[in-house]
């Protein structure tokens, strides 16, 4: 949860530091629950 932010504030990632941090946390969470240690390229 990011208090004080709009629902899709991650769309502002290039401009808002909190959005960048949020996207990194989302990525970490997804890798953790899927058992992936890093992003894989296809």
PDB file of N, CA and C in Angstrom:
ATOM      1  N   UNK A   1       0.841  -1.178   0.000  1.00  0.00           N
ATOM      2  CA  UNK A   1       0.000   0.000   0.000  1.00  0.00           C
ATOM      3  C   UNK A   1       0.886   1.241   0.000  1.00  0.00           C
ATOM      4  N   UNK A   2       0.484   2.183  -0.786  1.00  0.00           N
ATOM      5  CA  UNK A   2       1.201   3.451  -0.863  1.00  0.00           C
ATOM      6  C   UNK A   2       0.215   4.572  -0.536  1.00  0.00           C
ATOM      7  N   UNK A   3       0.117   4.949   0.734  1.00  0.00           N
ATOM      8  CA  UNK A   3      -0.824   5.995   1.132  1.00  0.00           C
ATOM      9  C   UNK A   3      -0.577   7.300   0.373  1.00  0.00           C
ATOM     10  N   UNK A   4      -1.660   7.948   0.028  1.00  0.00           N
ATOM     11  CA  UNK A   4      -1.563   9.241  -0.628  1.00  0.00           C
ATOM     12  C   UNK A   4      -1.329   9.178  -2.127  1.00  0.00           C
ATOM     13  N   UNK A   5      -1.308   7.968  -2.690  1.00  0.00           N
ATOM     14  CA  UNK A   5      -1.072   7.830  -4.129  1.00  0.00           C
ATOM     15  C   UNK A   5      -2.361   7.396  -4.821  1.00  0.00           C
ATOM     16  N   UNK A   6      -2.475   7.754  -6.096  1.00  0.00           N
ATOM     17  CA  UNK A   6      -3.612   7.294  -6.880  1.00  0.00           C
ATOM     18  C   UNK A   6      -3.428   5.813  -7.202  1.00  0.00           C
ATOM     19  N   UNK A   7      -4.477   5.157  -7.652  1.00  0.00           N
ATOM     20  CA  UNK A   7      -4.464   3.707  -7.859  1.00  0.00           C
ATOM     21  C   UNK A   7      -3.378   3.249  -8.827  1.00  0.00           C
ATOM     22  N   UNK A   8      -3.148   3.963  -9.897  1.00  0.00           N
ATOM     23  CA  UNK A   8      -2.187   3.533 -10.926  1.00  0.00           C
ATOM     24  C   UNK A   8      -0.972   4.466 -10.981  1.00  0.00           C
ATOM     25  N   UNK A   9      -0.483   4.889  -9.822  1.00  0.00           N
ATOM     26  CA  UNK A   9       0.624   5.842  -9.806  1.00  0.00           C
ATOM     27  C   UNK A   9       1.901   5.270 -10.394  1.00  0.00           C
ATOM     28  N   UNK A  10       1.990   3.939 -10.554  1.00  0.00           N
ATOM     29  CA  UNK A  10       3.179   3.331 -11.150  1.00  0.00           C
ATOM     30  C   UNK A  10       3.374   3.783 -12.598  1.00  0.00           C
ATOM     31  N   UNK A  11       2.325   4.264 -13.240  1.00  0.00           N
ATOM     32  CA  UNK A  11       2.457   4.778 -14.604  1.00  0.00           C
ATOM     33  C   UNK A  11       3.367   5.998 -14.656  1.00  0.00           C
ATOM     34  N   UNK A  12       3.601   6.623 -13.529  1.00  0.00           N
ATOM     35  CA  UNK A  12       4.463   7.804 -13.472  1.00  0.00           C
ATOM     36  C   UNK A  12       5.909   7.444 -13.130  1.00  0.00           C
ATOM     37  N   UNK A  13       6.256   6.173 -13.255  1.00  0.00           N
ATOM     38  CA  UNK A  13       7.580   5.684 -12.841  1.00  0.00           C
ATOM     39  C   UNK A  13       8.759   6.503 -13.360  1.00  0.00           C
ATOM     40  N   UNK A  14       8.756   6.968 -14.581  1.00  0.00           N
ATOM     41  CA  UNK A  14       9.919   7.753 -15.001  1.00  0.00           C
ATOM     42  C   UNK A  14      10.069   9.078 -14.232  1.00  0.00           C
ATOM     43  N   UNK A  15       8.980   9.542 -13.636  1.00  0.00           N
ATOM     44  CA  UNK A  15       8.998  10.863 -13.014  1.00  0.00           C
ATOM     45  C   UNK A  15       8.913  10.856 -11.490  1.00  0.00           C
ATOM     46  N   UNK A  16       8.342   9.809 -10.922  1.00  0.00           N
ATOM     47  CA  UNK A  16       8.073   9.784  -9.484  1.00  0.00           C
ATOM     48  C   UNK A  16       8.871   8.655  -8.819  1.00  0.00           C
ATOM     49  N   UNK A  17       9.815   8.987  -7.936  1.00  0.00           N
ATOM     50  CA  UNK A  17      10.652   7.967  -7.302  1.00  0.00           C
ATOM     51  C   UNK A  17       9.850   6.873  -6.592  1.00  0.00           C
ATOM     52  N   UNK A  18       8.740   7.243  -5.952  1.00  0.00           N
ATOM     53  CA  UNK A  18       7.925   6.249  -5.260  1.00  0.00           C
ATOM     54  C   UNK A  18       7.374   5.211  -6.227  1.00  0.00           C
ATOM     55  N   UNK A  19       7.071   5.621  -7.444  1.00  0.00           N
ATOM     56  CA  UNK A  19       6.562   4.688  -8.448  1.00  0.00           C
ATOM     57  C   UNK A  19       7.646   3.689  -8.839  1.00  0.00           C
ATOM     58  N   UNK A  20       8.871   4.152  -8.993  1.00  0.00           N
ATOM     59  CA  UNK A  20       9.983   3.246  -9.300  1.00  0.00           C
ATOM     60  C   UNK A  20      10.180   2.233  -8.180  1.00  0.00           C
ATOM     61  N   UNK A  21      10.163   2.701  -6.944  1.00  0.00           N
ATOM     62  CA  UNK A  21      10.321   1.791  -5.804  1.00  0.00           C
ATOM     63  C   UNK A  21       9.186   0.777  -5.757  1.00  0.00           C
ATOM     64  N   UNK A  22       7.988   1.237  -6.028  1.00  0.00           N
ATOM     65  CA  UNK A  22       6.835   0.345  -6.023  1.00  0.00           C
ATOM     66  C   UNK A  22       6.986  -0.755  -7.067  1.00  0.00           C
ATOM     67  N   UNK A  23       7.425  -0.407  -8.263  1.00  0.00           N
ATOM     68  CA  UNK A  23       7.607  -1.406  -9.322  1.00  0.00           C
ATOM     69  C   UNK A  23       8.694  -2.412  -8.961  1.00  0.00           C
ATOM     70  N   UNK A  24       9.760  -1.950  -8.328  1.00  0.00           N
ATOM     71  CA  UNK A  24      10.802  -2.884  -7.883  1.00  0.00           C
ATOM     72  C   UNK A  24      10.252  -3.850  -6.836  1.00  0.00           C
ATOM     73  N   UNK A  25       9.450  -3.332  -5.916  1.00  0.00           N
ATOM     74  CA  UNK A  25       8.861  -4.190  -4.888  1.00  0.00           C
ATOM     75  C   UNK A  25       7.890  -5.200  -5.502  1.00  0.00           C
ATOM     76  N   UNK A  26       7.118  -4.778  -6.479  1.00  0.00           N
ATOM     77  CA  UNK A  26       6.202  -5.687  -7.169  1.00  0.00           C
ATOM     78  C   UNK A  26       6.995  -6.799  -7.844  1.00  0.00           C
ATOM     79  N   UNK A  27       8.059  -6.437  -8.544  1.00  0.00           N
ATOM     80  CA  UNK A  27       8.901  -7.426  -9.210  1.00  0.00           C
ATOM     81  C   UNK A  27       9.510  -8.407  -8.225  1.00  0.00           C
ATOM     82  N   UNK A  28       9.997  -7.898  -7.102  1.00  0.00           N
ATOM     83  CA  UNK A  28      10.578  -8.763  -6.073  1.00  0.00           C
ATOM     84  C   UNK A  28       9.530  -9.743  -5.553  1.00  0.00           C
ATOM     85  N   UNK A  29       8.340  -9.253  -5.284  1.00  0.00           N
ATOM     86  CA  UNK A  29       7.263 -10.100  -4.776  1.00  0.00           C
ATOM     87  C   UNK A  29       6.915 -11.199  -5.778  1.00  0.00           C
ATOM     88  N   UNK A  30       6.779 -10.849  -7.038  1.00  0.00           N
ATOM     89  CA  UNK A  30       6.429 -11.841  -8.059  1.00  0.00           C
ATOM     90  C   UNK A  30       7.520 -12.899  -8.177  1.00  0.00           C
ATOM     91  N   UNK A  31       8.789 -12.469  -8.199  1.00  0.00           N
ATOM     92  CA  UNK A  31       9.882 -13.447  -8.270  1.00  0.00           C
ATOM     93  C   UNK A  31       9.886 -14.358  -7.044  1.00  0.00           C
ATOM     94  N   UNK A  32       9.595 -13.787  -5.884  1.00  0.00           N
ATOM     95  CA  UNK A  32       9.585 -14.569  -4.652  1.00  0.00           C
ATOM     96  C   UNK A  32       8.490 -15.636  -4.672  1.00  0.00           C
ATOM     97  N   UNK A  33       7.272 -15.265  -5.049  1.00  0.00           N
ATOM     98  CA  UNK A  33       6.182 -16.241  -4.992  1.00  0.00           C
ATOM     99  C   UNK A  33       6.226 -17.242  -6.139  1.00  0.00           C
ATOM    100  N   UNK A  34       6.915 -16.912  -7.229  1.00  0.00           N
ATOM    101  CA  UNK A  34       7.009 -17.857  -8.342  1.00  0.00           C
ATOM    102  C   UNK A  34       8.285 -18.685  -8.282  1.00  0.00           C
ATOM    103  N   UNK A  35       9.148 -18.387  -7.325  1.00  0.00           N
ATOM    104  CA  UNK A  35      10.372 -19.158  -7.171  1.00  0.00           C
ATOM    105  C   UNK A  35      11.462 -18.776  -8.149  1.00  0.00           C
ATOM    106  N   UNK A  36      11.320 -17.645  -8.807  1.00  0.00           N
ATOM    107  CA  UNK A  36      12.348 -17.188  -9.743  1.00  0.00           C
ATOM    108  C   UNK A  36      13.317 -16.281  -9.000  1.00  0.00           C
ATOM    109  N   UNK A  37      14.612 -16.489  -9.228  1.00  0.00           N
ATOM    110  CA  UNK A  37      15.601 -15.659  -8.547  1.00  0.00           C
ATOM    111  C   UNK A  37      15.888 -14.375  -9.306  1.00  0.00           C
ATOM    112  N   UNK A  38      15.650 -14.374 -10.621  1.00  0.00           N
ATOM    113  CA  UNK A  38      15.851 -13.168 -11.421  1.00  0.00           C
ATOM    114  C   UNK A  38      14.995 -13.254 -12.667  1.00  0.00           C
ATOM    115  N   UNK A  39      14.859 -12.134 -13.356  1.00  0.00           N
ATOM    116  CA  UNK A  39      14.076 -12.109 -14.590  1.00  0.00           C
ATOM    117  C   UNK A  39      14.805 -12.900 -15.662  1.00  0.00           C
ATOM    118  N   UNK A  40      14.082 -13.719 -16.375  1.00  0.00           N
ATOM    119  CA  UNK A  40      14.700 -14.486 -17.460  1.00  0.00           C
ATOM    120  C   UNK A  40      14.286 -13.897 -18.794  1.00  0.00           C
ATOM    121  N   UNK A  41      15.175 -13.989 -19.763  1.00  0.00           N
ATOM    122  CA  UNK A  41      14.851 -13.483 -21.094  1.00  0.00           C
ATOM    123  C   UNK A  41      14.615 -14.660 -22.018  1.00  0.00           C
ATOM    124  N   UNK A  42      13.690 -14.473 -22.925  1.00  0.00           N
ATOM    125  CA  UNK A  42      13.383 -15.532 -23.878  1.00  0.00           C
ATOM    126  C   UNK A  42      13.830 -15.149 -25.249  1.00  0.00           C
TER     127      UNK A  42
END
